[in-house]
Each structure stands twice: as C-alpha cells, then as structure tokens.
PDB file of N, CA and C in Angstrom:
ATOM      1  N   MET A   1     102.270 122.622 109.944  1.00  0.00           N
ATOM      2  CA  MET A   1     101.678 121.296 110.137  1.00  0.00           C
ATOM      3  C   MET A   1     102.429 120.444 110.543  1.00  0.00           C
ATOM      4  N   PRO A   2     102.067 119.924 111.673  1.00  0.00           N
ATOM      5  CA  PRO A   2     103.037 118.543 112.804  1.00  0.00           C
ATOM      6  C   PRO A   2     103.249 117.522 111.686  1.00  0.00           C
ATOM      7  N   LYS A   3     104.866 116.987 111.963  1.00  0.00           N
ATOM      8  CA  LYS A   3     105.145 115.815 111.112  1.00  0.00           C
ATOM      9  C   LYS A   3     104.132 114.947 111.460  1.00  0.00           C
ATOM     10  N   LYS A   4     103.877 113.908 110.268  1.00  0.00           N
ATOM     11  CA  LYS A   4     102.565 112.776 110.382  1.00  0.00           C
ATOM     12  C   LYS A   4     103.890 111.667 111.172  1.00  0.00           C
ATOM     13  N   GLN A   5     103.181 111.165 112.266  1.00  0.00           N
ATOM     14  CA  GLN A   5     103.780 110.109 112.959  1.00  0.00           C
ATOM     15  C   GLN A   5     103.517 108.694 112.464  1.00  0.00           C
ATOM     16  N   HIS A   6     104.362 107.871 112.439  1.00  0.00           N
ATOM     17  CA  HIS A   6     104.030 106.213 111.684  1.00  0.00           C
ATOM     18  C   HIS A   6     104.573 105.493 112.342  1.00  0.00           C
ATOM     19  N   ARG A   7     104.004 104.575 112.913  1.00  0.00           N
ATOM     20  CA  ARG A   7     104.370 103.095 113.597  1.00  0.00           C
ATOM     21  C   ARG A   7     104.666 102.259 112.959  1.00  0.00           C
ATOM     22  N   LYS A   8     106.060 101.862 112.907  1.00  0.00           N
ATOM     23  CA  LYS A   8     106.664 100.994 112.491  1.00  0.00           C
ATOM     24  C   LYS A   8     105.573  99.304 112.610  1.00  0.00           C
ATOM     25  N   PRO A   9     105.568  98.513 111.597  1.00  0.00           N
ATOM     26  CA  PRO A   9     104.938  97.128 111.927  1.00  0.00           C
ATOM     27  C   PRO A   9     106.117  96.137 112.615  1.00  0.00           C
ATOM     28  N   LYS A  10     105.903  95.576 113.290  1.00  0.00           N
ATOM     29  CA  LYS A  10     106.631  94.924 113.892  1.00  0.00           C
ATOM     30  C   LYS A  10     107.657  94.094 112.964  1.00  0.00           C
ATOM     31  N   GLN A  11     107.171  93.545 111.771  1.00  0.00           N
ATOM     32  CA  GLN A  11     108.112  92.766 110.971  1.00  0.00           C
ATOM     33  C   GLN A  11     107.447  93.646 109.612  1.00  0.00           C
ATOM     34  N   ASN A  12     108.088  93.510 108.600  1.00  0.00           N
ATOM     35  CA  ASN A  12     107.735  94.161 107.199  1.00  0.00           C
ATOM     36  C   ASN A  12     107.265  92.886 106.645  1.00  0.00           C
ATOM     37  N   PHE A  13     106.042  93.274 105.879  1.00  0.00           N
ATOM     38  CA  PHE A  13     105.513  92.529 105.001  1.00  0.00           C
ATOM     39  C   PHE A  13     106.052  91.780 103.904  1.00  0.00           C
ATOM     40  N   LYS A  14     106.045  90.699 103.428  1.00  0.00           N
ATOM     41  CA  LYS A  14     106.558  90.088 102.393  1.00  0.00           C
ATOM     42  C   LYS A  14     105.224  89.255 101.363  1.00  0.00           C
ATOM     43  N   PHE A  15     106.057  89.453 100.380  1.00  0.00           N
ATOM     44  CA  PHE A  15     104.970  88.722  99.377  1.00  0.00           C
ATOM     45  C   PHE A  15     105.639  88.249  98.046  1.00  0.00           C
ATOM     46  N   LYS A  16     104.767  87.481  97.138  1.00  0.00           N
ATOM     47  CA  LYS A  16     105.856  87.086  96.107  1.00  0.00           C
ATOM     48  C   LYS A  16     104.662  87.008  94.796  1.00  0.00           C
ATOM     49  N   THR A  17     105.466  87.430  94.003  1.00  0.00           N
ATOM     50  CA  THR A  17     104.523  87.761  92.817  1.00  0.00           C
ATOM     51  C   THR A  17     104.032  86.532  91.774  1.00  0.00           C
ATOM     52  N   ALA A  18     103.937  86.651  90.959  1.00  0.00           N
ATOM     53  CA  ALA A  18     103.510  85.281  90.095  1.00  0.00           C
ATOM     54  C   ALA A  18     104.577  84.597  89.511  1.00  0.00           C
ATOM     55  N   LYS A  19     105.729  85.017  89.329  1.00  0.00           N
ATOM     56  CA  LYS A  19     107.017  84.606  88.992  1.00  0.00           C
ATOM     57  C   LYS A  19     107.584  84.116  90.131  1.00  0.00           C
ATOM     58  N   GLY A  20     107.121  84.171  91.168  1.00  0.00           N
ATOM     59  CA  GLY A  20     107.707  83.354  92.368  1.00  0.00           C
ATOM     60  C   GLY A  20     108.948  84.242  93.017  1.00  0.00           C
ATOM     61  N   VAL A  21     108.898  85.387  92.883  1.00  0.00           N
ATOM     62  CA  VAL A  21     109.880  86.466  93.349  1.00  0.00           C
ATOM     63  C   VAL A  21     109.644  87.173  94.478  1.00  0.00           C
ATOM     64  N   GLN A  22     110.087  86.992  95.872  1.00  0.00           N
ATOM     65  CA  GLN A  22     109.827  87.385  97.136  1.00  0.00           C
ATOM     66  C   GLN A  22     110.201  88.872  96.978  1.00  0.00           C
ATOM     67  N   TYR A  23     109.239  89.797  97.542  1.00  0.00           N
ATOM     68  CA  TYR A  23     109.557  91.390  97.646  1.00  0.00           C
ATOM     69  C   TYR A  23     109.556  91.243  99.449  1.00  0.00           C
ATOM     70  N   GLU A  24     110.042  92.415  99.445  1.00  0.00           N
ATOM     71  CA  GLU A  24     109.466  92.654 100.982  1.00  0.00           C
ATOM     72  C   GLU A  24     109.330  94.450 101.350  1.00  0.00           C
ATOM     73  N   VAL A  25     108.015  94.498 101.684  1.00  0.00           N
ATOM     74  CA  VAL A  25     107.774  96.068 101.861  1.00  0.00           C
ATOM     75  C   VAL A  25     108.562  96.544 102.929  1.00  0.00           C
ATOM     76  N   VAL A  26     108.743  98.020 102.783  1.00  0.00           N
ATOM     77  CA  VAL A  26     109.662  98.471 103.897  1.00  0.00           C
ATOM     78  C   VAL A  26     109.042 100.056 103.643  1.00  0.00           C
ATOM     79  N   TRP A  27     108.609 100.727 105.109  1.00  0.00           N
ATOM     80  CA  TRP A  27     108.032 101.665 105.383  1.00  0.00           C
ATOM     81  C   TRP A  27     109.139 102.947 105.601  1.00  0.00           C
ATOM     82  N   ARG A  28     109.711 102.833 104.530  1.00  0.00           N
ATOM     83  CA  ARG A  28     111.096 104.175 104.495  1.00  0.00           C
ATOM     84  C   ARG A  28     110.926 105.239 103.413  1.00  0.00           C
ATOM     85  N   LYS A  29     111.173 106.146 103.698  1.00  0.00           N
ATOM     86  CA  LYS A  29     111.183 107.450 102.215  1.00  0.00           C
ATOM     87  C   LYS A  29     112.290 106.752 101.410  1.00  0.00           C
ATOM     88  N   PRO A  30     111.855 106.647  99.981  1.00  0.00           N
ATOM     89  CA  PRO A  30     112.785 106.405  99.438  1.00  0.00           C
ATOM     90  C   PRO A  30     114.230 107.351  99.336  1.00  0.00           C
ATOM     91  N   ASP A  31     115.024 107.642  98.845  1.00  0.00           N
ATOM     92  CA  ASP A  31     116.029 108.197  98.760  1.00  0.00           C
ATOM     93  C   ASP A  31     116.014 109.561  98.180  1.00  0.00           C
ATOM     94  N   LYS A  32     116.458 110.761  98.354  1.00  0.00           N
ATOM     95  CA  LYS A  32     116.172 112.004  98.048  1.00  0.00           C
ATOM     96  C   LYS A  32     116.108 112.164  95.960  1.00  0.00           C
ATOM     97  N   ARG A  33     117.142 111.427  95.964  1.00  0.00           N
ATOM     98  CA  ARG A  33     117.887 111.433  94.483  1.00  0.00           C
ATOM     99  C   ARG A  33     116.694 110.487  93.528  1.00  0.00           C
ATOM    100  N   HIS A  34     115.780 109.777  93.946  1.00  0.00           N
ATOM    101  CA  HIS A  34     114.764 109.203  93.152  1.00  0.00           C
ATOM    102  C   HIS A  34     113.630 110.424  93.204  1.00  0.00           C
ATOM    103  N   LYS A  35     113.299 111.053  93.755  1.00  0.00           N
ATOM    104  CA  LYS A  35     112.056 112.211  94.091  1.00  0.00           C
ATOM    105  C   LYS A  35     111.078 111.267  93.844  1.00  0.00           C
ATOM    106  N   ALA A  36     110.938 110.515  94.720  1.00  0.00           N
ATOM    107  CA  ALA A  36     109.473 109.494  94.636  1.00  0.00           C
ATOM    108  C   ALA A  36     108.893 109.766  95.791  1.00  0.00           C
ATOM    109  N   VAL A  37     107.902 109.447  96.531  1.00  0.00           N
ATOM    110  CA  VAL A  37     107.532 108.577  97.793  1.00  0.00           C
ATOM    111  C   VAL A  37     107.155 107.270  97.723  1.00  0.00           C
ATOM    112  N   GLY A  38     107.419 106.464  96.731  1.00  0.00           N
ATOM    113  CA  GLY A  38     107.400 104.962  96.999  1.00  0.00           C
ATOM    114  C   GLY A  38     108.582 104.325  95.705  1.00  0.00           C
ATOM    115  N   LEU A  39     109.089 103.292  95.843  1.00  0.00           N
ATOM    116  CA  LEU A  39     110.433 102.515  95.155  1.00  0.00           C
ATOM    117  C   LEU A  39     109.797 101.357  95.072  1.00  0.00           C
ATOM    118  N   CYS A  40     110.087 100.655  93.890  1.00  0.00           N
ATOM    119  CA  CYS A  40     110.235  99.344  93.492  1.00  0.00           C
ATOM    120  C   CYS A  40     111.527  98.901  92.956  1.00  0.00           C
ATOM    121  N   SER A  41     112.387  97.740  93.486  1.00  0.00           N
ATOM    122  CA  SER A  41     113.404  97.486  93.046  1.00  0.00           C
ATOM    123  C   SER A  41     112.968  96.750  91.954  1.00  0.00           C
ATOM    124  N   SER A  42     113.838  96.032  91.132  1.00  0.00           N
ATOM    125  CA  SER A  42     114.144  95.117  89.866  1.00  0.00           C
ATOM    126  C   SER A  42     113.817  93.575  90.972  1.00  0.00           C
ATOM    127  N   PRO A  43     112.993  93.093  89.973  1.00  0.00           N
ATOM    128  CA  PRO A  43     113.177  91.636  90.279  1.00  0.00           C
ATOM    129  C   PRO A  43     114.254  90.713  90.521  1.00  0.00           C
ATOM    130  N   LYS A  44     115.120  91.269  89.695  1.00  0.00           N
ATOM    131  CA  LYS A  44     116.985  90.779  89.739  1.00  0.00           C
ATOM    132  C   LYS A  44     117.422  90.970  90.906  1.00  0.00           C
ATOM    133  N   ASP A  45     116.956  92.011  91.484  1.00  0.00           N
ATOM    134  CA  ASP A  45     117.985  92.298  92.803  1.00  0.00           C
ATOM    135  C   ASP A  45     118.262  91.034  93.772  1.00  0.00           C
ATOM    136  N   GLU A  46     119.035  91.075  94.463  1.00  0.00           N
ATOM    137  CA  GLU A  46     119.486  89.747  95.637  1.00  0.00           C
ATOM    138  C   GLU A  46     118.249  89.806  96.683  1.00  0.00           C
ATOM    139  N   LYS A  47     117.353  90.826  96.974  1.00  0.00           N
ATOM    140  CA  LYS A  47     116.594  91.434  97.987  1.00  0.00           C
ATOM    141  C   LYS A  47     115.689  92.446  97.610  1.00  0.00           C
ATOM    142  N   PRO A  48     114.856  92.084  96.598  1.00  0.00           N
ATOM    143  CA  PRO A  48     113.774  93.002  96.119  1.00  0.00           C
ATOM    144  C   PRO A  48     112.849  93.481  97.101  1.00  0.00           C
ATOM    145  N   ARG A  49     112.643  94.759  96.995  1.00  0.00           N
ATOM    146  CA  ARG A  49     112.165  95.723  98.058  1.00  0.00           C
ATOM    147  C   ARG A  49     111.053  96.592  97.386  1.00  0.00           C
ATOM    148  N   VAL A  50     110.260  96.889  98.152  1.00  0.00           N
ATOM    149  CA  VAL A  50     109.269  97.903  98.026  1.00  0.00           C
ATOM    150  C   VAL A  50     109.212  98.962  98.883  1.00  0.00           C
ATOM    151  N   GLN A  51     109.703 100.055  98.574  1.00  0.00           N
ATOM    152  CA  GLN A  51     109.474 101.231  99.943  1.00  0.00           C
ATOM    153  C   GLN A  51     108.553 102.014  99.769  1.00  0.00           C
ATOM    154  N   ILE A  52     108.075 102.360 100.777  1.00  0.00           N
ATOM    155  CA  ILE A  52     106.783 103.150 100.494  1.00  0.00           C
ATOM    156  C   ILE A  52     107.211 104.570 101.922  1.00  0.00           C
ATOM    157  N   SER A  53     106.957 105.397 101.821  1.00  0.00           N
ATOM    158  CA  SER A  53     107.049 106.753 102.772  1.00  0.00           C
ATOM    159  C   SER A  53     105.932 106.580 103.853  1.00  0.00           C
ATOM    160  N   PRO A  54     106.510 106.317 105.237  1.00  0.00           N
ATOM    161  CA  PRO A  54     105.587 106.444 106.202  1.00  0.00           C
ATOM    162  C   PRO A  54     104.445 107.932 106.567  1.00  0.00           C
ATOM    163  N   TYR A  55     105.135 108.611 105.886  1.00  0.00           N
ATOM    164  CA  TYR A  55     104.301 110.163 105.991  1.00  0.00           C
ATOM    165  C   TYR A  55     103.718 110.271 105.039  1.00  0.00           C
ATOM    166  N   LEU A  56     102.918 109.450 104.248  1.00  0.00           N
ATOM    167  CA  LEU A  56     101.606 109.893 103.255  1.00  0.00           C
ATOM    168  C   LEU A  56     100.621 109.779 103.967  1.00  0.00           C
ATOM    169  N   GLY A  57      99.118 110.920 103.293  1.00  0.00           N
ATOM    170  CA  GLY A  57      98.183 110.861 104.080  1.00  0.00           C
ATOM    171  C   GLY A  57      97.721 109.299 103.599  1.00  0.00           C
ATOM    172  N   LYS A  58      96.316 109.259 103.695  1.00  0.00           N
ATOM    173  CA  LYS A  58      95.661 107.540 103.355  1.00  0.00           C
ATOM    174  C   LYS A  58      95.527 107.616 102.198  1.00  0.00           C
ATOM    175  N   GLN A  59      94.852 108.400 101.167  1.00  0.00           N
ATOM    176  CA  GLN A  59      94.612 108.344  99.975  1.00  0.00           C
ATOM    177  C   GLN A  59      96.147 107.927  99.125  1.00  0.00           C
ATOM    178  N   ASN A  60      97.057 108.705  99.339  1.00  0.00           N
ATOM    179  CA  ASN A  60      98.336 108.814  98.569  1.00  0.00           C
ATOM    180  C   ASN A  60      99.024 107.363  99.340  1.00  0.00           C
ATOM    181  N   GLU A  61      98.977 106.803 100.141  1.00  0.00           N
ATOM    182  CA  GLU A  61      99.536 105.862 100.743  1.00  0.00           C
ATOM    183  C   GLU A  61      98.753 104.465 100.020  1.00  0.00           C
ATOM    184  N   LEU A  62      97.358 104.466  99.978  1.00  0.00           N
ATOM    185  CA  LEU A  62      96.715 103.653  98.873  1.00  0.00           C
ATOM    186  C   LEU A  62      97.266 103.462  97.806  1.00  0.00           C
ATOM    187  N   ASN A  63      97.608 104.929  96.982  1.00  0.00           N
ATOM    188  CA  ASN A  63      97.573 104.618  95.580  1.00  0.00           C
ATOM    189  C   ASN A  63      99.180 104.433  95.381  1.00  0.00           C
ATOM    190  N   THR A  64     100.180 105.041  96.402  1.00  0.00           N
ATOM    191  CA  THR A  64     101.745 104.864  96.436  1.00  0.00           C
ATOM    192  C   THR A  64     101.795 103.024  96.578  1.00  0.00           C
ATOM    193  N   SER A  65     100.936 102.515  97.432  1.00  0.00           N
ATOM    194  CA  SER A  65     100.987 100.837  97.816  1.00  0.00           C
ATOM    195  C   SER A  65     100.435 100.214  96.202  1.00  0.00           C
ATOM    196  N   ILE A  66      99.408 100.581  95.828  1.00  0.00           N
ATOM    197  CA  ILE A  66      98.936  99.900  94.619  1.00  0.00           C
ATOM    198  C   ILE A  66     100.120 100.094  93.240  1.00  0.00           C
ATOM    199  N   HIS A  67     100.466 101.129  93.127  1.00  0.00           N
ATOM    200  CA  HIS A  67     101.426 101.602  92.343  1.00  0.00           C
ATOM    201  C   HIS A  67     102.919 100.607  92.297  1.00  0.00           C
ATOM    202  N   GLU A  68     103.302 100.564  93.644  1.00  0.00           N
ATOM    203  CA  GLU A  68     104.634  99.668  93.760  1.00  0.00           C
ATOM    204  C   GLU A  68     104.244  98.149  93.351  1.00  0.00           C
ATOM    205  N   PHE A  69     103.277  98.152  93.822  1.00  0.00           N
ATOM    206  CA  PHE A  69     102.752  96.287  93.904  1.00  0.00           C
ATOM    207  C   PHE A  69     102.889  96.123  92.489  1.00  0.00           C
ATOM    208  N   ALA A  70     102.126  97.002  91.616  1.00  0.00           N
ATOM    209  CA  ALA A  70     102.140  97.100  90.362  1.00  0.00           C
ATOM    210  C   ALA A  70     102.923  96.889  89.669  1.00  0.00           C
ATOM    211  N   HIS A  71     103.957  97.624  89.989  1.00  0.00           N
ATOM    212  CA  HIS A  71     105.682  97.404  89.499  1.00  0.00           C
ATOM    213  C   HIS A  71     106.416  95.969  89.652  1.00  0.00           C
ATOM    214  N   ALA A  72     106.097  95.647  91.208  1.00  0.00           N
ATOM    215  CA  ALA A  72     106.838  94.660  91.051  1.00  0.00           C
ATOM    216  C   ALA A  72     106.042  93.166  90.523  1.00  0.00           C
ATOM    217  N   PHE A  73     104.638  93.098  90.442  1.00  0.00           N
ATOM    218  CA  PHE A  73     104.263  92.386  89.428  1.00  0.00           C
ATOM    219  C   PHE A  73     104.100  92.336  88.076  1.00  0.00           C
ATOM    220  N   PHE A  74     104.331  93.644  87.697  1.00  0.00           N
ATOM    221  CA  PHE A  74     104.561  93.644  86.111  1.00  0.00           C
ATOM    222  C   PHE A  74     105.530  94.907  85.868  1.00  0.00           C
ATOM    223  N   TRP A  75     106.751  94.271  86.113  1.00  0.00           N
ATOM    224  CA  TRP A  75     107.901  94.750  85.639  1.00  0.00           C
ATOM    225  C   TRP A  75     108.091  95.285  84.479  1.00  0.00           C
ATOM    226  N   ASP A  76     107.784  94.584  83.635  1.00  0.00           N
ATOM    227  CA  ASP A  76     108.087  95.178  82.548  1.00  0.00           C
ATOM    228  C   ASP A  76     107.022  96.049  81.536  1.00  0.00           C
ATOM    229  N   LYS A  77     106.260  96.659  82.385  1.00  0.00           N
ATOM    230  CA  LYS A  77     105.040  97.318  82.288  1.00  0.00           C
ATOM    231  C   LYS A  77     105.791  99.116  82.121  1.00  0.00           C
ATOM    232  N   SER A  78     105.418 100.140  81.487  1.00  0.00           N
ATOM    233  CA  SER A  78     105.742 101.216  81.665  1.00  0.00           C
ATOM    234  C   SER A  78     105.299 101.930  82.974  1.00  0.00           C
ATOM    235  N   GLU A  79     106.354 103.179  82.811  1.00  0.00           N
ATOM    236  CA  GLU A  79     105.939 103.976  84.188  1.00  0.00           C
ATOM    237  C   GLU A  79     104.073 104.760  83.943  1.00  0.00           C
ATOM    238  N   THR A  80     104.118 105.218  83.060  1.00  0.00           N
ATOM    239  CA  THR A  80     102.264 105.411  82.411  1.00  0.00           C
ATOM    240  C   THR A  80     101.534 104.415  82.567  1.00  0.00           C
ATOM    241  N   GLU A  81     101.830 103.478  82.118  1.00  0.00           N
ATOM    242  CA  GLU A  81     100.999 102.489  82.277  1.00  0.00           C
ATOM    243  C   GLU A  81     100.638 101.862  84.020  1.00  0.00           C
ATOM    244  N   VAL A  82     101.666 101.860  85.002  1.00  0.00           N
ATOM    245  CA  VAL A  82     101.489 101.545  85.830  1.00  0.00           C
ATOM    246  C   VAL A  82     100.661 102.353  86.832  1.00  0.00           C
ATOM    247  N   ALA A  83     100.827 104.159  86.385  1.00  0.00           N
ATOM    248  CA  ALA A  83     100.625 105.157  87.158  1.00  0.00           C
ATOM    249  C   ALA A  83      99.075 105.261  86.769  1.00  0.00           C
ATOM    250  N   LYS A  84      98.527 104.701  85.619  1.00  0.00           N
ATOM    251  CA  LYS A  84      96.866 104.830  84.871  1.00  0.00           C
ATOM    252  C   LYS A  84      96.218 103.838  85.980  1.00  0.00           C
ATOM    253  N   PHE A  85      97.131 102.561  86.074  1.00  0.00           N
ATOM    254  CA  PHE A  85      96.458 101.751  86.919  1.00  0.00           C
ATOM    255  C   PHE A  85      96.070 101.656  87.884  1.00  0.00           C
ATOM    256  N   ALA A  86      97.464 102.235  88.854  1.00  0.00           N
ATOM    257  CA  ALA A  86      97.139 102.536  90.155  1.00  0.00           C
ATOM    258  C   ALA A  86      96.315 103.678  90.522  1.00  0.00           C
ATOM    259  N   ASN A  87      96.167 104.993  89.780  1.00  0.00           N
ATOM    260  CA  ASN A  87      95.412 106.098  89.956  1.00  0.00           C
ATOM    261  C   ASN A  87      93.953 105.414  89.801  1.00  0.00           C
ATOM    262  N   ALA A  88      93.750 104.889  88.657  1.00  0.00           N
ATOM    263  CA  ALA A  88      92.180 104.200  88.533  1.00  0.00           C
ATOM    264  C   ALA A  88      91.863 103.452  89.731  1.00  0.00           C
ATOM    265  N   LEU A  89      92.317 102.302  90.205  1.00  0.00           N
ATOM    266  CA  LEU A  89      92.261 101.627  90.907  1.00  0.00           C
ATOM    267  C   LEU A  89      92.416 102.086  92.663  1.00  0.00           C
ATOM    268  N   SER A  90      93.091 102.779  92.703  1.00  0.00           N
ATOM    269  CA  SER A  90      92.965 103.437  94.309  1.00  0.00           C
ATOM    270  C   SER A  90      91.699 104.731  94.393  1.00  0.00           C
ATOM    271  N   ARG A  91      91.210 105.340  93.063  1.00  0.00           N
ATOM    272  CA  ARG A  91      90.312 106.389  93.020  1.00  0.00           C
ATOM    273  C   ARG A  91      89.024 105.213  93.481  1.00  0.00           C
ATOM    274  N   PHE A  92      89.085 104.518  92.601  1.00  0.00           N
ATOM    275  CA  PHE A  92      87.690 103.275  92.829  1.00  0.00           C
ATOM    276  C   PHE A  92      87.752 103.065  94.443  1.00  0.00           C
ATOM    277  N   LEU A  93      88.888 102.417  94.839  1.00  0.00           N
ATOM    278  CA  LEU A  93      88.663 101.701  96.159  1.00  0.00           C
ATOM    279  C   LEU A  93      88.130 103.402  97.079  1.00  0.00           C
ATOM    280  N   TYR A  94      89.074 104.179  97.133  1.00  0.00           N
ATOM    281  CA  TYR A  94      88.806 105.162  97.722  1.00  0.00           C
ATOM    282  C   TYR A  94      87.544 106.087  97.642  1.00  0.00           C
ATOM    283  N   THR A  95      87.294 106.080  96.716  1.00  0.00           N
ATOM    284  CA  THR A  95      86.049 106.880  96.239  1.00  0.00           C
ATOM    285  C   THR A  95      84.662 106.314  96.277  1.00  0.00           C
ATOM    286  N   GLU A  96      84.763 105.455  95.372  1.00  0.00           N
ATOM    287  CA  GLU A  96      83.309 104.385  95.451  1.00  0.00           C
ATOM    288  C   GLU A  96      83.410 103.587  96.371  1.00  0.00           C
ATOM    289  N   CYS A  97      84.178 102.873  97.186  1.00  0.00           N
ATOM    290  CA  CYS A  97      84.015 101.888  97.920  1.00  0.00           C
ATOM    291  C   CYS A  97      84.155 102.423  99.141  1.00  0.00           C
ATOM    292  N   GLY A  98      85.002 103.695  99.623  1.00  0.00           N
ATOM    293  CA  GLY A  98      85.321 104.420 100.800  1.00  0.00           C
ATOM    294  C   GLY A  98      86.246 103.636 101.509  1.00  0.00           C
ATOM    295  N   TRP A  99      87.188 102.880 100.850  1.00  0.00           N
ATOM    296  CA  TRP A  99      88.082 102.275 101.762  1.00  0.00           C
ATOM    297  C   TRP A  99      89.360 103.452 102.507  1.00  0.00           C
ATOM    298  N   ARG A 100      89.311 102.927 103.876  1.00  0.00           N
ATOM    299  CA  ARG A 100      90.251 103.694 104.589  1.00  0.00           C
ATOM    300  C   ARG A 100      91.167 102.887 105.786  1.00  0.00           C
ATOM    301  N   LYS A 101      92.099 103.388 105.629  1.00  0.00           N
ATOM    302  CA  LYS A 101      93.090 102.926 106.567  1.00  0.00           C
ATOM    303  C   LYS A 101      92.427 103.012 107.744  1.00  0.00           C
ATOM    304  N   LEU A 102      92.637 101.905 108.670  1.00  0.00           N
ATOM    305  CA  LEU A 102      92.204 101.802 110.132  1.00  0.00           C
ATOM    306  C   LEU A 102      93.769 102.252 110.952  1.00  0.00           C
ATOM    307  N   GLU A 103      93.561 103.343 111.849  1.00  0.00           N
ATOM    308  CA  GLU A 103      94.324 103.415 113.135  1.00  0.00           C
ATOM    309  C   GLU A 103      94.683 102.706 113.747  1.00  0.00           C
ATOM    310  N   LYS A 104      95.774 102.139 114.137  1.00  0.00           N
ATOM    311  CA  LYS A 104      96.314 101.426 115.408  1.00  0.00           C
ATOM    312  C   LYS A 104      96.343 101.785 116.484  1.00  0.00           C
TER     313      LYS A 104
END
C-alpha cells in the first residue's frame, strides 16, 4: 500500500482553550517513544502543541483531532475519559452525520 501523502497547511492552526491557553496544531507524527498517532502537550509548556500524524485515514484523523483537542480543553481528565468522549463524538459525526474531510 503506498504511503499516504499529506499536504501541509500554509500556516499551523492555533486555538485558545477556555482558560486562555493558546495551542498550535502541528501535523507531525509524535515521537516513536510515545506510541501514539496524536499528542497534546501540557498547558504549562512554553508553547503548548497538539501533534497529529498526517498519515491517518479520515475517520482516525477525526477521532485523533477530537481526542487531542479534548486533552487541551480538559487537561485534568483521564486518558480513559478523553478516549470515551472522542470515540463517541467521532463515531456520531462520521457515522450518523456523514462528516468527511474534503480533499484539497
């Protein structure tokens, strides 16, 4: 299977949490030691980031994005709570609502 190509956005997406912490979304696969396709850094970091692998399928990219944004907004929640939330919301959006990523 050929490697999935990803087009980098011109500028990384930035957002602020309800507590005013600014995060930057970076389309980069997290370091292998994390064994993850997405990663959210601590809101206490100098430059908080959400990393998302650019090599994911559409449904997995949706789930990973929701999962990592949930970490950013609800840093105190457990991995289990965040995973359950992301799985439920991404399944609803993808399956029930038919949300799909548009190819550019």
